[in-house]
Amino acid sequence: MVSDHSAKADLRRELLAARRALTPAAAAEAAERIAARALDLPELAGALTVAAYVSVGTEPGTRALLDALRGRGSRVLLPVLLPDNDLDWAAYDGPGSLAEVAHPGKMRLLEPAGPRLGPDAVTGADAVLLPGLAVDGRGMRLGRGGGSYDRVLARLAAAGARPPLVVLLYDDEVVARVPEEPHDHPVQAVATPSGVRRF
């Protein structure tokens, strides 16, 4: 029997290959549509503070969404990758506040250049946007496997914080089943180019 860990690795490979096949034009169009869908979410409409992330490569694009959230008055927190794969946070102050950072053995990331707020800053967010590769009908999310967001979710749980968790994906990344391990947490909603689904 295939373990959930091994099944996750296989599904990740398949989904990453599909993302790599996307044309820049298709990815840009999807990013615009995802931003529009996400901005309509009630979970984000009233959020004073949103923890989000800067998309990289062919991830569903977040840049337009970050600017729109900031433009309507939300404070946007973005992650800063620490050497142990945990995440610190800093405020997003517009495109000029991002710096490209090379982390050893990882892809180059765009991170906020402002003052670090500490890993616990995420516990004050009214909503959290999570990167992912897939989500299933139960709301179980498949991440990239680095464990950074598992720590974020554990930190939220330990603090008794329960902000809505929203994942941004392409339409074909809403799948029948995501292999699940004990540390996995379900999300409350997914925004894709064609719409929003709640769990």
Protein backbone atom coordinates (compact mmCIF):
# COMPACT_ATOMS: atom_id res chain seq x y z
CA MET A 1 0.00 0.00 0.00
CA VAL A 2 1.30 3.46 -0.94
CA SER A 3 1.87 5.69 2.09
CA ASP A 4 0.19 9.11 2.25
CA HIS A 5 3.65 10.68 2.27
CA SER A 6 4.63 8.87 -0.94
CA ALA A 7 1.23 9.60 -2.53
CA LYS A 8 1.72 13.30 -1.73
CA ALA A 9 5.11 13.29 -3.44
CA ASP A 10 3.61 11.70 -6.58
CA LEU A 11 0.72 14.18 -6.68
CA ARG A 12 3.12 17.11 -6.16
CA ARG A 13 5.23 16.01 -9.14
CA GLU A 14 2.16 15.74 -11.36
CA LEU A 15 0.76 19.15 -10.33
CA LEU A 16 4.11 20.95 -10.62
CA ALA A 17 4.58 19.53 -14.12
CA ALA A 18 1.16 20.90 -15.12
CA ARG A 19 2.07 24.32 -13.72
CA ARG A 20 5.37 24.35 -15.62
CA ALA A 21 3.42 23.76 -18.84
CA LEU A 22 1.37 26.96 -18.39
CA THR A 23 2.11 29.82 -20.77
CA PRO A 24 2.89 33.22 -19.20
CA ALA A 25 -0.29 34.61 -20.80
CA ALA A 26 -2.46 31.85 -19.30
CA ALA A 27 -0.88 32.33 -15.87
CA ALA A 28 -1.40 36.12 -16.01
CA GLU A 29 -5.05 35.76 -17.00
CA ALA A 30 -5.63 33.22 -14.22
CA ALA A 31 -3.99 35.56 -11.67
CA GLU A 32 -6.39 38.38 -12.58
CA ARG A 33 -9.42 36.11 -12.28
CA ILE A 34 -8.24 34.59 -8.99
CA ALA A 35 -7.69 38.08 -7.53
CA ALA A 36 -11.22 39.11 -8.51
CA ARG A 37 -12.72 35.95 -6.97
CA ALA A 38 -10.69 36.27 -3.77
CA LEU A 39 -11.57 39.95 -3.31
CA ASP A 40 -15.26 39.00 -3.31
CA LEU A 41 -14.77 36.60 -0.40
CA PRO A 42 -16.53 37.80 2.77
CA GLU A 43 -13.56 36.37 4.70
CA LEU A 44 -11.34 39.00 3.08
CA ALA A 45 -13.87 41.83 2.77
CA GLY A 46 -13.84 42.62 6.48
CA ALA A 47 -10.25 41.62 7.21
CA LEU A 48 -8.17 44.41 8.75
CA THR A 49 -5.03 42.25 8.57
CA VAL A 50 -4.43 39.57 5.92
CA ALA A 51 -1.44 37.23 6.01
CA ALA A 52 -0.61 36.45 2.41
CA TYR A 53 2.41 35.55 0.25
CA VAL A 54 4.15 36.61 -2.94
CA SER A 55 3.67 34.04 -5.67
CA VAL A 56 6.74 32.74 -7.48
CA GLY A 57 7.19 31.06 -10.84
CA THR A 58 3.95 29.59 -12.14
CA GLU A 59 2.13 29.63 -8.80
CA PRO A 60 -1.31 31.25 -9.09
CA GLY A 61 -0.34 34.93 -9.10
CA THR A 62 -0.92 37.03 -5.98
CA ARG A 63 0.60 40.42 -6.88
CA ALA A 64 -2.65 42.05 -8.08
CA LEU A 65 -4.47 40.68 -5.05
CA LEU A 66 -1.87 42.04 -2.61
CA ASP A 67 -2.14 45.52 -4.12
CA ALA A 68 -5.95 45.40 -4.16
CA LEU A 69 -6.11 44.33 -0.50
CA ARG A 70 -3.71 47.09 0.48
CA GLY A 71 -5.63 49.58 -1.69
CA ARG A 72 -8.84 48.94 0.19
CA GLY A 73 -7.21 49.44 3.57
CA SER A 74 -6.17 45.97 4.71
CA ARG A 75 -2.79 45.58 6.36
CA VAL A 76 -1.02 42.83 4.41
CA LEU A 77 1.62 40.67 6.10
CA LEU A 78 4.06 38.73 3.95
CA PRO A 79 6.38 35.89 4.95
CA VAL A 80 10.13 36.01 5.30
CA LEU A 81 11.73 32.54 5.09
CA LEU A 82 14.03 31.74 8.01
CA PRO A 83 17.02 29.37 7.77
CA ASP A 84 15.06 26.59 9.55
CA ASN A 85 12.13 26.92 7.07
CA ASP A 86 9.95 28.70 9.65
CA LEU A 87 8.38 32.02 8.64
CA ASP A 88 8.85 35.50 10.05
CA TRP A 89 6.49 38.27 8.83
CA ALA A 90 6.72 41.87 7.67
CA ALA A 91 4.20 44.39 6.32
CA TYR A 92 3.72 44.84 2.59
CA ASP A 93 4.07 48.49 1.61
CA GLY A 94 3.67 48.15 -2.15
CA PRO A 95 5.74 46.62 -4.97
CA GLY A 96 8.75 48.76 -4.10
CA SER A 97 8.91 47.22 -0.63
CA LEU A 98 9.82 43.76 -1.98
CA ALA A 99 13.37 42.49 -2.33
CA GLU A 100 14.52 39.38 -4.19
CA VAL A 101 16.21 37.01 -1.77
CA ALA A 102 18.25 33.92 -2.65
CA HIS A 103 17.90 31.17 -0.06
CA PRO A 104 20.50 28.37 -0.29
CA GLY A 105 19.06 25.37 -2.12
CA LYS A 106 15.71 27.05 -2.85
CA MET A 107 14.20 29.24 -5.53
CA ARG A 108 14.63 33.01 -5.30
CA LEU A 109 11.79 34.60 -3.34
CA LEU A 110 10.37 38.10 -3.19
CA GLU A 111 10.18 39.11 0.47
CA PRO A 112 9.17 42.31 2.25
CA ALA A 113 12.15 44.49 3.12
CA GLY A 114 10.56 46.20 6.14
CA PRO A 115 10.98 45.53 9.85
CA ARG A 116 10.48 41.92 10.94
CA LEU A 117 7.46 41.38 13.17
CA GLY A 118 8.29 37.88 14.45
CA PRO A 119 6.81 34.46 13.64
CA ASP A 120 3.86 35.06 15.98
CA ALA A 121 2.65 38.11 13.99
CA VAL A 122 0.50 35.78 11.89
CA THR A 123 -1.67 35.01 14.93
CA GLY A 124 -3.11 38.53 14.66
CA ALA A 125 -4.33 38.06 11.07
CA ASP A 126 -8.07 38.16 10.35
CA ALA A 127 -7.58 35.89 7.32
CA VAL A 128 -4.68 33.80 6.02
CA LEU A 129 -4.00 33.12 2.33
CA LEU A 130 -2.07 29.89 1.92
CA PRO A 131 -0.04 28.70 -1.04
CA GLY A 132 -0.81 25.19 -2.16
CA LEU A 133 -0.76 22.71 -5.00
CA ALA A 134 -4.20 21.18 -4.53
CA VAL A 135 -7.25 20.98 -2.30
CA ASP A 136 -9.94 18.33 -2.11
CA GLY A 137 -13.66 18.34 -1.33
CA ARG A 138 -12.97 18.16 2.40
CA GLY A 139 -10.78 21.25 2.27
CA MET A 140 -7.57 19.29 2.79
CA ARG A 141 -4.66 21.23 1.23
CA LEU A 142 -1.55 19.83 -0.41
CA GLY A 143 1.44 22.14 0.10
CA ARG A 144 4.88 21.98 -1.46
CA GLY A 145 6.24 19.82 1.35
CA GLY A 146 8.68 22.25 2.97
CA GLY A 147 6.73 22.39 6.23
CA SER A 148 6.76 26.20 6.58
CA TYR A 149 2.99 26.52 6.53
CA ASP A 150 2.50 23.46 8.73
CA ARG A 151 4.34 25.50 11.37
CA VAL A 152 2.17 28.53 10.69
CA LEU A 153 -0.99 26.47 11.12
CA ALA A 154 0.37 24.86 14.30
CA ARG A 155 1.24 28.35 15.63
CA LEU A 156 -2.29 29.60 14.93
CA ALA A 157 -3.78 26.57 16.69
CA ALA A 158 -1.48 26.95 19.71
CA ALA A 159 -2.50 30.61 20.03
CA GLY A 160 -6.21 29.76 19.79
CA ALA A 161 -6.38 31.91 16.64
CA ARG A 162 -8.91 30.73 14.06
CA PRO A 163 -8.70 33.03 11.05
CA PRO A 164 -10.32 31.75 7.86
CA LEU A 165 -7.77 29.85 5.75
CA VAL A 166 -8.04 30.41 2.00
CA VAL A 167 -5.96 28.69 -0.69
CA LEU A 168 -5.48 30.09 -4.21
CA LEU A 169 -5.34 27.48 -7.00
CA TYR A 170 -5.90 26.81 -10.66
CA ASP A 171 -9.21 25.13 -11.54
CA ASP A 172 -7.72 21.68 -12.19
CA GLU A 173 -6.02 21.69 -8.77
CA VAL A 174 -9.31 21.09 -6.97
CA VAL A 175 -9.02 17.30 -6.87
CA ALA A 176 -10.99 14.29 -5.65
CA ARG A 177 -8.69 13.54 -2.72
CA VAL A 178 -5.51 14.90 -1.21
CA PRO A 179 -3.49 12.35 0.78
CA GLU A 180 -3.73 13.36 4.43
CA GLU A 181 -1.28 13.11 7.31
CA PRO A 182 -2.02 13.74 11.01
CA HIS A 183 -0.52 17.25 11.01
CA ASP A 184 -2.63 18.48 8.07
CA HIS A 185 -5.32 21.12 8.61
CA PRO A 186 -8.31 21.79 6.32
CA VAL A 187 -8.87 25.20 4.74
CA GLN A 188 -12.22 27.00 4.70
CA ALA A 189 -12.25 28.14 1.06
CA VAL A 190 -10.46 27.94 -2.28
CA ALA A 191 -10.42 30.67 -4.93
CA THR A 192 -9.78 29.57 -8.52
CA PRO A 193 -10.17 31.44 -11.82
CA SER A 194 -13.69 30.05 -12.27
CA GLY A 195 -15.02 30.64 -8.77
CA VAL A 196 -14.94 30.10 -5.05
CA ARG A 197 -15.67 26.93 -3.15
CA ARG A 198 -16.21 26.68 0.60
CA PHE A 199 -15.67 23.66 2.83
